[in-house]
Amino acid sequence: QVQFVESGGGLVQPGYSLRLSCRASGFTLNYHAIGWFRQAPGKEREAVSCITSVDGATDYSDSVKGRFTIFSDNAKNTVYLQMNNLKPGDTAVYYCAADSLRSVCPGIATMRPLEYEYWGQGTQVTVSS
């Protein structure tokens, strides 16, 4: 049974950092592209980052580029999202996702949530003073 479990969310002030984790079971991250999405209240789910685990290639949305870093620990079958200099606009539920047929990250702009087969339960990130 495939299961993705996110953790690491919380309430922080603007400018602070958080590191999200996405641990997979029943699914080998090393052979697939893993995406991080987020969904703010009243908004559509959007892609923020992606990593092709086999070679470490990454991509980011313009809104998080330079502040967020995605990386993987294949030995732990876990993907992380390091979020620095958080802003109130980053407030959302963050999800990791993967698809069994996707081994390479597509461009961020082409990542559609409906195309991803496996999802975690999400972790809430709230940035507020």
C-alpha atoms as a PDB file:
ATOM      1  CA  GLN A   1       0.000   0.000   0.000  1.00  0.00           C
ATOM      2  CA  VAL A   2       1.397   3.367  -1.042  1.00  0.00           C
ATOM      3  CA  GLN A   3       1.410   6.030   1.642  1.00  0.00           C
ATOM      4  CA  PHE A   4       2.864   9.522   1.731  1.00  0.00           C
ATOM      5  CA  VAL A   5       3.108  11.307   5.069  1.00  0.00           C
ATOM      6  CA  GLU A   6       3.952  14.994   5.319  1.00  0.00           C
ATOM      7  CA  SER A   7       5.148  16.693   8.461  1.00  0.00           C
ATOM      8  CA  GLY A   8       6.881  19.861   9.592  1.00  0.00           C
ATOM      9  CA  GLY A   9       4.189  22.462   9.154  1.00  0.00           C
ATOM     10  CA  GLY A  10       3.337  25.032  11.773  1.00  0.00           C
ATOM     11  CA  LEU A  11       2.728  28.655  12.645  1.00  0.00           C
ATOM     12  CA  VAL A  12       5.648  31.015  12.119  1.00  0.00           C
ATOM     13  CA  GLN A  13       6.227  34.726  11.793  1.00  0.00           C
ATOM     14  CA  PRO A  14       7.199  36.306   8.483  1.00  0.00           C
ATOM     15  CA  GLY A  15      10.866  35.834   7.717  1.00  0.00           C
ATOM     16  CA  TYR A  16      11.147  32.583   9.613  1.00  0.00           C
ATOM     17  CA  SER A  17      11.838  29.124   8.172  1.00  0.00           C
ATOM     18  CA  LEU A  18      10.234  25.705   8.158  1.00  0.00           C
ATOM     19  CA  ARG A  19      11.318  22.363   6.739  1.00  0.00           C
ATOM     20  CA  LEU A  20       8.600  20.054   5.466  1.00  0.00           C
ATOM     21  CA  SER A  21       9.147  16.320   5.115  1.00  0.00           C
ATOM     22  CA  CYS A  22       7.413  13.832   2.862  1.00  0.00           C
ATOM     23  CA  ARG A  23       8.103  10.230   3.785  1.00  0.00           C
ATOM     24  CA  ALA A  24       6.932   7.509   1.424  1.00  0.00           C
ATOM     25  CA  SER A  25       6.170   3.895   2.045  1.00  0.00           C
ATOM     26  CA  GLY A  26       5.282   1.320  -0.566  1.00  0.00           C
ATOM     27  CA  PHE A  27       6.747   3.637  -3.213  1.00  0.00           C
ATOM     28  CA  THR A  28      10.398   4.184  -4.103  1.00  0.00           C
ATOM     29  CA  LEU A  29      11.023   7.892  -4.487  1.00  0.00           C
ATOM     30  CA  ASN A  30      14.371   7.367  -6.183  1.00  0.00           C
ATOM     31  CA  TYR A  31      12.702   6.271  -9.405  1.00  0.00           C
ATOM     32  CA  HIS A  32      10.134   9.035  -9.635  1.00  0.00           C
ATOM     33  CA  ALA A  33       9.580  12.752  -9.762  1.00  0.00           C
ATOM     34  CA  ILE A  34       8.113  14.150  -6.552  1.00  0.00           C
ATOM     35  CA  GLY A  35       6.166  17.360  -6.419  1.00  0.00           C
ATOM     36  CA  TRP A  36       5.176  19.740  -3.641  1.00  0.00           C
ATOM     37  CA  PHE A  37       1.851  21.498  -4.071  1.00  0.00           C
ATOM     38  CA  ARG A  38       0.016  23.942  -1.859  1.00  0.00           C
ATOM     39  CA  GLN A  39      -3.547  25.098  -1.517  1.00  0.00           C
ATOM     40  CA  ALA A  40      -4.593  28.271   0.210  1.00  0.00           C
ATOM     41  CA  PRO A  41      -8.190  28.865   1.348  1.00  0.00           C
ATOM     42  CA  GLY A  42     -10.393  29.695  -1.599  1.00  0.00           C
ATOM     43  CA  LYS A  43      -7.648  29.072  -4.128  1.00  0.00           C
ATOM     44  CA  GLU A  44      -6.741  26.255  -6.472  1.00  0.00           C
ATOM     45  CA  ARG A  45      -4.010  23.806  -5.629  1.00  0.00           C
ATOM     46  CA  GLU A  46      -0.752  24.953  -7.195  1.00  0.00           C
ATOM     47  CA  ALA A  47       2.631  23.370  -7.787  1.00  0.00           C
ATOM     48  CA  VAL A  48       5.526  24.979  -5.981  1.00  0.00           C
ATOM     49  CA  SER A  49       8.430  22.611  -6.534  1.00  0.00           C
ATOM     50  CA  CYS A  50       9.485  19.334  -8.076  1.00  0.00           C
ATOM     51  CA  ILE A  51      12.492  17.055  -7.882  1.00  0.00           C
ATOM     52  CA  THR A  52      13.658  14.287 -10.177  1.00  0.00           C
ATOM     53  CA  SER A  53      15.146  12.096  -7.496  1.00  0.00           C
ATOM     54  CA  VAL A  54      17.425  10.042  -9.741  1.00  0.00           C
ATOM     55  CA  ASP A  55      19.572  13.045 -10.714  1.00  0.00           C
ATOM     56  CA  GLY A  56      18.468  15.727  -8.282  1.00  0.00           C
ATOM     57  CA  ALA A  57      17.102  18.071 -10.942  1.00  0.00           C
ATOM     58  CA  THR A  58      14.716  20.598  -9.427  1.00  0.00           C
ATOM     59  CA  ASP A  59      12.224  23.221 -10.442  1.00  0.00           C
ATOM     60  CA  TYR A  60      10.359  25.956  -8.570  1.00  0.00           C
ATOM     61  CA  SER A  61       7.486  28.300  -9.098  1.00  0.00           C
ATOM     62  CA  ASP A  62       8.411  31.937  -9.451  1.00  0.00           C
ATOM     63  CA  SER A  63       6.702  32.753  -6.159  1.00  0.00           C
ATOM     64  CA  VAL A  64       9.089  30.570  -4.134  1.00  0.00           C
ATOM     65  CA  LYS A  65      12.250  30.557  -6.247  1.00  0.00           C
ATOM     66  CA  GLY A  66      15.241  31.663  -4.205  1.00  0.00           C
ATOM     67  CA  ARG A  67      13.460  31.005  -0.895  1.00  0.00           C
ATOM     68  CA  PHE A  68      12.471  27.325  -1.069  1.00  0.00           C
ATOM     69  CA  THR A  69      14.758  24.345  -1.664  1.00  0.00           C
ATOM     70  CA  ILE A  70      13.620  20.824  -2.453  1.00  0.00           C
ATOM     71  CA  PHE A  71      15.923  17.886  -1.816  1.00  0.00           C
ATOM     72  CA  SER A  72      15.687  14.186  -1.203  1.00  0.00           C
ATOM     73  CA  ASP A  73      17.275  11.574   1.014  1.00  0.00           C
ATOM     74  CA  ASN A  74      16.847   8.395  -0.955  1.00  0.00           C
ATOM     75  CA  ALA A  75      18.141   6.252   1.898  1.00  0.00           C
ATOM     76  CA  LYS A  76      15.236   7.518   4.015  1.00  0.00           C
ATOM     77  CA  ASN A  77      12.817   7.532   1.058  1.00  0.00           C
ATOM     78  CA  THR A  78      11.969  11.095   2.038  1.00  0.00           C
ATOM     79  CA  VAL A  79      11.714  14.382   0.174  1.00  0.00           C
ATOM     80  CA  TYR A  80      12.074  17.695   1.967  1.00  0.00           C
ATOM     81  CA  LEU A  81      11.033  21.255   1.274  1.00  0.00           C
ATOM     82  CA  GLN A  82      13.170  23.817   3.054  1.00  0.00           C
ATOM     83  CA  MET A  83      11.235  27.077   3.206  1.00  0.00           C
ATOM     84  CA  ASN A  84      13.145  30.215   4.137  1.00  0.00           C
ATOM     85  CA  ASN A  85      12.047  33.826   4.463  1.00  0.00           C
ATOM     86  CA  LEU A  86       8.423  32.786   4.703  1.00  0.00           C
ATOM     87  CA  LYS A  87       5.755  35.300   3.776  1.00  0.00           C
ATOM     88  CA  PRO A  88       2.057  35.532   4.672  1.00  0.00           C
ATOM     89  CA  GLY A  89       1.304  34.585   1.062  1.00  0.00           C
ATOM     90  CA  ASP A  90       2.918  31.192   1.700  1.00  0.00           C
ATOM     91  CA  THR A  91       0.107  30.286   4.084  1.00  0.00           C
ATOM     92  CA  ALA A  92      -1.488  27.101   2.769  1.00  0.00           C
ATOM     93  CA  VAL A  93      -1.816  23.374   3.206  1.00  0.00           C
ATOM     94  CA  TYR A  94       1.232  21.775   1.620  1.00  0.00           C
ATOM     95  CA  TYR A  95       1.065  18.385  -0.066  1.00  0.00           C
ATOM     96  CA  CYS A  96       3.617  16.097  -1.643  1.00  0.00           C
ATOM     97  CA  ALA A  97       2.553  14.053  -4.624  1.00  0.00           C
ATOM     98  CA  ALA A  98       3.851  11.525  -7.098  1.00  0.00           C
ATOM     99  CA  ASP A  99       2.734   9.422 -10.001  1.00  0.00           C
ATOM    100  CA  SER A 100       3.922   5.929 -10.819  1.00  0.00           C
ATOM    101  CA  LEU A 101       4.406   6.866 -14.487  1.00  0.00           C
ATOM    102  CA  ARG A 102       6.329  10.092 -13.913  1.00  0.00           C
ATOM    103  CA  SER A 103      10.081   9.766 -13.455  1.00  0.00           C
ATOM    104  CA  VAL A 104      11.139  13.262 -14.520  1.00  0.00           C
ATOM    105  CA  CYS A 105       9.837  16.608 -13.363  1.00  0.00           C
ATOM    106  CA  PRO A 106       7.860  18.420 -16.008  1.00  0.00           C
ATOM    107  CA  GLY A 107       8.000  22.176 -15.978  1.00  0.00           C
ATOM    108  CA  ILE A 108       6.328  23.694 -12.935  1.00  0.00           C
ATOM    109  CA  ALA A 109       3.822  25.504 -15.109  1.00  0.00           C
ATOM    110  CA  THR A 110       2.638  22.190 -16.588  1.00  0.00           C
ATOM    111  CA  MET A 111       2.125  20.337 -13.295  1.00  0.00           C
ATOM    112  CA  ARG A 112      -1.586  19.565 -12.922  1.00  0.00           C
ATOM    113  CA  PRO A 113      -2.804  18.090  -9.616  1.00  0.00           C
ATOM    114  CA  LEU A 114      -5.199  15.751 -11.454  1.00  0.00           C
ATOM    115  CA  GLU A 115      -2.218  14.056 -13.102  1.00  0.00           C
ATOM    116  CA  TYR A 116      -0.775  12.891  -9.784  1.00  0.00           C
ATOM    117  CA  GLU A 117      -1.818   9.534  -8.455  1.00  0.00           C
ATOM    118  CA  TYR A 118      -0.498   9.561  -4.884  1.00  0.00           C
ATOM    119  CA  TRP A 119      -0.928  12.291  -2.284  1.00  0.00           C
ATOM    120  CA  GLY A 120      -0.134  12.838   1.322  1.00  0.00           C
ATOM    121  CA  GLN A 121      -2.668  14.157   3.815  1.00  0.00           C
ATOM    122  CA  GLY A 122      -1.124  17.628   3.800  1.00  0.00           C
ATOM    123  CA  THR A 123       0.526  19.777   6.438  1.00  0.00           C
ATOM    124  CA  GLN A 124      -0.640  23.262   7.390  1.00  0.00           C
ATOM    125  CA  VAL A 125       1.774  26.166   7.097  1.00  0.00           C
ATOM    126  CA  THR A 126       0.639  29.479   8.538  1.00  0.00           C
ATOM    127  CA  VAL A 127       2.774  32.587   8.283  1.00  0.00           C
ATOM    128  CA  SER A 128       1.475  35.404  10.412  1.00  0.00           C
ATOM    129  CA  SER A 129       2.721  38.077  12.751  1.00  0.00           C
END
